[in-house]
Amino acid sequence: MARDMSDIDILKMELQQLQKEVKNEREPVSKTAKELVDWVEANSAEDILLKGVPEDKNPFKEKGGCIIT
């Protein structure tokens, strides 16, 4: 997309993005990090990466065994 745009168009697009970003409210990392840690700890019981997939609901579990005779 950027290859089809002139330098002026690219600069206008970058300016628009910066104008959007300057309107965002800023918060200190000390506050947001604490909120993030609290959220992760509160939702860890439902986290599929931490607790795993129940064997009966695992779509990748083999349905039957392999018998070699």
N, C-alpha and C. Protein backbone atom coordinates (compact mmCIF):
# COMPACT_ATOMS: atom_id res chain seq x y z
N MET A 1 0.83 -1.19 0.00
CA MET A 1 0.00 0.00 0.00
C MET A 1 0.87 1.25 0.00
N ALA A 2 1.89 1.27 0.84
CA ALA A 2 2.73 2.46 0.96
C ALA A 2 3.50 2.73 -0.31
N ARG A 3 3.73 1.70 -1.11
CA ARG A 3 4.48 1.89 -2.36
C ARG A 3 3.69 2.71 -3.37
N ASP A 4 2.37 2.63 -3.27
CA ASP A 4 1.51 3.36 -4.20
C ASP A 4 1.24 4.79 -3.75
N MET A 5 1.73 5.16 -2.57
CA MET A 5 1.45 6.48 -2.00
C MET A 5 2.63 7.41 -2.23
N SER A 6 2.32 8.67 -2.39
CA SER A 6 3.40 9.66 -2.52
C SER A 6 3.95 9.98 -1.13
N ASP A 7 5.08 10.65 -1.10
CA ASP A 7 5.69 11.02 0.18
C ASP A 7 4.76 11.91 1.00
N ILE A 8 4.04 12.78 0.32
CA ILE A 8 3.10 13.68 1.02
C ILE A 8 1.98 12.86 1.66
N ASP A 9 1.45 11.88 0.93
CA ASP A 9 0.38 11.04 1.47
C ASP A 9 0.85 10.25 2.69
N ILE A 10 2.08 9.74 2.62
CA ILE A 10 2.63 8.99 3.74
C ILE A 10 2.80 9.89 4.96
N LEU A 11 3.30 11.10 4.74
CA LEU A 11 3.47 12.04 5.85
C LEU A 11 2.12 12.44 6.46
N LYS A 12 1.10 12.61 5.61
CA LYS A 12 -0.24 12.93 6.12
C LYS A 12 -0.78 11.78 6.97
N MET A 13 -0.56 10.55 6.50
CA MET A 13 -1.04 9.39 7.24
C MET A 13 -0.32 9.28 8.59
N GLU A 14 0.99 9.52 8.60
CA GLU A 14 1.74 9.49 9.85
C GLU A 14 1.28 10.59 10.80
N LEU A 15 1.00 11.76 10.28
CA LEU A 15 0.52 12.87 11.11
C LEU A 15 -0.84 12.53 11.72
N GLN A 16 -1.73 11.94 10.94
CA GLN A 16 -3.03 11.53 11.47
C GLN A 16 -2.88 10.52 12.59
N GLN A 17 -1.97 9.58 12.41
CA GLN A 17 -1.73 8.58 13.46
C GLN A 17 -1.20 9.23 14.73
N LEU A 18 -0.26 10.14 14.58
CA LEU A 18 0.28 10.83 15.76
C LEU A 18 -0.78 11.67 16.46
N GLN A 19 -1.68 12.29 15.69
CA GLN A 19 -2.76 13.06 16.29
C GLN A 19 -3.69 12.16 17.10
N LYS A 20 -3.93 10.94 16.62
CA LYS A 20 -4.75 9.99 17.37
C LYS A 20 -4.04 9.56 18.65
N GLU A 21 -2.73 9.29 18.55
CA GLU A 21 -1.97 8.80 19.70
C GLU A 21 -1.84 9.85 20.79
N VAL A 22 -1.76 11.11 20.41
CA VAL A 22 -1.58 12.18 21.41
C VAL A 22 -2.85 12.35 22.26
N LYS A 23 -3.99 11.90 21.75
CA LYS A 23 -5.25 12.00 22.50
C LYS A 23 -5.40 10.90 23.54
N ASN A 24 -4.60 9.84 23.45
CA ASN A 24 -4.68 8.74 24.41
C ASN A 24 -4.25 9.20 25.79
N GLU A 25 -5.01 8.77 26.79
CA GLU A 25 -4.63 9.08 28.17
C GLU A 25 -3.45 8.23 28.57
N ARG A 26 -2.50 8.84 29.24
CA ARG A 26 -1.31 8.13 29.70
C ARG A 26 -1.45 7.81 31.18
N GLU A 27 -1.01 6.61 31.56
CA GLU A 27 -1.02 6.23 32.97
C GLU A 27 0.34 5.66 33.32
N PRO A 28 0.77 5.84 34.55
CA PRO A 28 2.08 5.32 34.94
C PRO A 28 2.12 3.79 34.90
N VAL A 29 3.27 3.27 34.54
CA VAL A 29 3.45 1.82 34.46
C VAL A 29 3.22 1.18 35.82
N SER A 30 3.58 1.87 36.89
CA SER A 30 3.40 1.30 38.22
C SER A 30 1.93 0.96 38.49
N LYS A 31 1.03 1.76 37.96
CA LYS A 31 -0.41 1.51 38.16
C LYS A 31 -0.90 0.42 37.22
N THR A 32 -0.56 0.52 35.96
CA THR A 32 -1.08 -0.44 34.98
C THR A 32 -0.48 -1.82 35.18
N ALA A 33 0.78 -1.91 35.60
CA ALA A 33 1.40 -3.21 35.84
C ALA A 33 0.70 -3.93 36.99
N LYS A 34 0.37 -3.20 38.03
CA LYS A 34 -0.34 -3.79 39.18
C LYS A 34 -1.71 -4.30 38.74
N GLU A 35 -2.43 -3.52 37.94
CA GLU A 35 -3.73 -3.95 37.44
C GLU A 35 -3.60 -5.20 36.57
N LEU A 36 -2.57 -5.25 35.75
CA LEU A 36 -2.35 -6.41 34.88
C LEU A 36 -2.05 -7.66 35.70
N VAL A 37 -1.20 -7.54 36.71
CA VAL A 37 -0.88 -8.68 37.57
C VAL A 37 -2.13 -9.17 38.29
N ASP A 38 -2.93 -8.24 38.82
CA ASP A 38 -4.17 -8.62 39.50
C ASP A 38 -5.12 -9.34 38.56
N TRP A 39 -5.24 -8.86 37.33
CA TRP A 39 -6.14 -9.49 36.36
C TRP A 39 -5.67 -10.90 36.00
N VAL A 40 -4.38 -11.05 35.79
CA VAL A 40 -3.83 -12.38 35.44
C VAL A 40 -4.05 -13.36 36.58
N GLU A 41 -3.80 -12.93 37.80
CA GLU A 41 -4.00 -13.81 38.95
C GLU A 41 -5.47 -14.16 39.14
N ALA A 42 -6.37 -13.22 38.90
CA ALA A 42 -7.80 -13.47 39.07
C ALA A 42 -8.33 -14.43 38.00
N ASN A 43 -7.75 -14.41 36.81
CA ASN A 43 -8.25 -15.24 35.71
C ASN A 43 -7.40 -16.48 35.44
N SER A 44 -6.44 -16.77 36.30
CA SER A 44 -5.55 -17.92 36.06
C SER A 44 -6.29 -19.25 36.14
N ALA A 45 -7.39 -19.32 36.89
CA ALA A 45 -8.13 -20.58 37.00
C ALA A 45 -8.75 -21.00 35.67
N GLU A 46 -9.11 -20.02 34.83
CA GLU A 46 -9.72 -20.35 33.54
C GLU A 46 -8.70 -20.39 32.39
N ASP A 47 -7.44 -20.14 32.70
CA ASP A 47 -6.42 -20.07 31.65
C ASP A 47 -6.09 -21.47 31.15
N ILE A 48 -6.40 -21.71 29.89
CA ILE A 48 -6.21 -23.02 29.28
C ILE A 48 -4.72 -23.38 29.20
N LEU A 49 -3.85 -22.38 29.11
CA LEU A 49 -2.41 -22.66 29.04
C LEU A 49 -1.85 -23.10 30.39
N LEU A 50 -2.49 -22.66 31.47
CA LEU A 50 -2.01 -23.04 32.80
C LEU A 50 -2.61 -24.35 33.29
N LYS A 51 -3.89 -24.56 33.06
CA LYS A 51 -4.53 -25.75 33.61
C LYS A 51 -4.62 -26.90 32.62
N GLY A 52 -4.44 -26.64 31.34
CA GLY A 52 -4.48 -27.72 30.35
C GLY A 52 -5.88 -27.99 29.85
N VAL A 53 -5.95 -28.86 28.87
CA VAL A 53 -7.23 -29.22 28.26
C VAL A 53 -7.68 -30.55 28.86
N PRO A 54 -8.94 -30.65 29.29
CA PRO A 54 -9.42 -31.93 29.80
C PRO A 54 -9.31 -33.01 28.71
N GLU A 55 -8.92 -34.20 29.11
CA GLU A 55 -8.69 -35.26 28.12
C GLU A 55 -9.94 -35.57 27.31
N ASP A 56 -11.12 -35.48 27.92
CA ASP A 56 -12.34 -35.80 27.17
C ASP A 56 -12.72 -34.72 26.16
N LYS A 57 -12.14 -33.53 26.28
CA LYS A 57 -12.45 -32.44 25.35
C LYS A 57 -11.29 -32.10 24.42
N ASN A 58 -10.23 -32.87 24.48
CA ASN A 58 -9.06 -32.61 23.66
C ASN A 58 -9.29 -33.14 22.24
N PRO A 59 -9.40 -32.26 21.25
CA PRO A 59 -9.68 -32.71 19.88
C PRO A 59 -8.48 -33.40 19.23
N PHE A 60 -7.30 -33.28 19.81
CA PHE A 60 -6.11 -33.87 19.22
C PHE A 60 -5.74 -35.22 19.83
N LYS A 61 -6.49 -35.64 20.84
CA LYS A 61 -6.23 -36.94 21.46
C LYS A 61 -6.64 -38.05 20.49
N GLU A 62 -5.81 -39.07 20.42
CA GLU A 62 -6.13 -40.18 19.53
C GLU A 62 -7.39 -40.87 20.02
N LYS A 63 -8.27 -41.20 19.08
CA LYS A 63 -9.56 -41.81 19.43
C LYS A 63 -9.39 -43.28 19.82
N GLY A 64 -8.47 -43.94 19.23
CA GLY A 64 -8.26 -45.36 19.55
C GLY A 64 -6.78 -45.69 19.53
N GLY A 65 -6.47 -46.81 20.03
CA GLY A 65 -5.07 -47.23 20.06
C GLY A 65 -4.68 -47.91 18.77
N CYS A 66 -3.42 -48.10 18.60
CA CYS A 66 -2.88 -48.75 17.42
C CYS A 66 -2.56 -50.20 17.79
N ILE A 67 -3.08 -51.13 17.03
CA ILE A 67 -2.85 -52.55 17.30
C ILE A 67 -2.02 -53.12 16.16
N ILE A 68 -0.88 -53.67 16.50
CA ILE A 68 -0.01 -54.31 15.51
C ILE A 68 -0.06 -55.80 15.77
N THR A 69 -0.43 -56.54 14.75
CA THR A 69 -0.50 -58.01 14.92
C THR A 69 0.45 -58.71 14.02
